[in-house]
Protein backbone atom coordinates (compact mmCIF):
# COMPACT_ATOMS: atom_id res chain seq x y z
CA MET A 1 97.81 110.68 66.39
CA ALA A 2 96.35 107.19 67.47
CA ASP A 3 92.80 106.91 67.29
CA MET A 4 91.39 106.99 70.78
CA PHE A 5 88.24 104.85 72.49
CA GLU A 6 86.51 105.45 75.69
CA HIS A 7 86.96 101.92 77.68
CA ALA A 8 84.15 102.01 80.33
CA PRO A 9 83.94 97.98 81.84
CA HIS A 10 80.86 97.29 83.74
CA VAL A 11 82.87 96.40 87.32
CA TRP A 12 81.08 93.70 89.21
CA THR A 13 79.69 94.44 92.60
CA ALA A 14 80.60 91.82 95.94
CA GLY A 15 76.81 90.87 95.23
CA ARG A 16 76.90 90.49 91.87
CA LEU A 17 80.54 87.78 92.64
CA ARG A 18 78.33 86.45 95.73
CA SER A 19 75.62 85.41 93.14
CA ALA A 20 77.53 83.87 90.47
CA LEU A 21 79.86 81.62 92.75
CA ALA A 22 76.44 80.12 94.44
CA GLU A 23 76.23 77.17 93.52
CA VAL A 24 80.38 76.66 92.78
CA ALA A 25 81.87 73.91 94.90
CA ASP A 26 83.60 75.04 97.96
CA ASP A 27 87.02 73.57 96.72
CA ALA A 28 86.66 75.41 93.36
CA PRO A 29 89.86 77.20 92.55
CA ILE A 30 89.10 80.48 90.69
CA HIS A 31 90.90 81.25 87.72
CA ILE A 32 90.99 84.96 87.00
CA GLY A 33 91.55 85.81 82.75
CA VAL A 34 93.35 89.32 82.28
CA ALA A 35 92.66 90.80 79.09
CA ASP A 36 95.71 91.54 76.56
CA GLU A 37 94.19 95.07 76.22
CA PRO A 38 91.23 96.80 77.38
CA GLY A 39 88.48 94.87 76.34
CA ARG A 40 89.98 91.89 74.49
CA PHE A 41 90.30 88.83 76.17
CA GLU A 42 90.83 86.43 73.09
CA GLY A 43 94.60 86.40 73.92
CA TYR A 44 93.99 86.94 78.03
CA GLU A 45 96.68 85.75 80.36
CA GLU A 46 95.05 83.00 82.70
CA PHE A 47 95.90 83.77 86.47
CA MET A 48 94.77 82.25 89.97
CA LEU A 49 93.51 84.23 92.79
CA VAL A 50 95.67 83.46 95.96
CA GLY A 51 94.09 86.59 98.29
CA ALA A 52 91.35 89.00 98.94
CA GLU A 53 91.73 91.60 101.72
CA PRO A 54 90.83 95.26 102.26
CA VAL A 55 93.38 97.62 100.82
CA GLU A 56 93.45 101.56 101.94
CA LEU A 57 94.72 103.77 99.00
CA VAL A 58 95.44 107.28 100.24
CA GLY A 59 95.81 110.16 97.77
CA ASP A 60 99.02 111.14 96.20
CA ASP A 61 98.72 114.83 98.65
CA GLY A 62 97.74 112.47 101.57
CA ALA A 63 95.08 115.04 102.25
CA ALA A 64 91.74 113.28 101.35
CA ALA A 65 90.75 110.62 103.78
CA PRO A 66 91.64 107.29 102.64
CA GLN A 67 89.60 104.99 100.64
CA VAL A 68 89.11 101.31 101.28
CA GLN A 69 88.48 98.92 98.42
CA PHE A 70 88.40 95.23 98.71
CA THR A 71 90.83 93.46 96.45
CA LEU A 72 91.60 90.72 94.84
CA PHE A 73 95.18 89.26 94.10
CA ALA A 74 96.11 87.05 91.51
CA ASP A 75 99.02 84.79 90.67
CA ALA A 76 100.90 83.13 87.70
CA LYS A 77 99.30 79.15 87.54
CA ALA A 78 101.35 76.94 89.33
CA GLY A 79 104.23 75.27 87.33
CA ARG A 80 107.84 75.87 85.62
CA TYR A 81 109.07 79.24 85.16
CA HIS A 82 112.21 80.65 83.82
CA LEU A 83 114.01 82.81 86.36
CA HIS A 84 114.13 86.43 85.39
CA LEU A 85 117.41 88.14 87.35
CA ASP A 86 116.85 91.73 87.00
């Protein structure tokens, strides 16, 4: 059996993000580094912020009240890519 570990990242709040961006120029692009595995950023993938909006999440059974969470959307950096035809 594989070794297991508990991964509990410190999730940022809107206030912490606002504070971090306080001195950033309005026209500065936002880069997002996505961990290659839980907690490990050495070989991270780089994405760009392309949108942000509240997203409504409904439980599997649909009985629970929907939960709304503010979500940042990221896409690959601008550039030339191979087209994947699946």
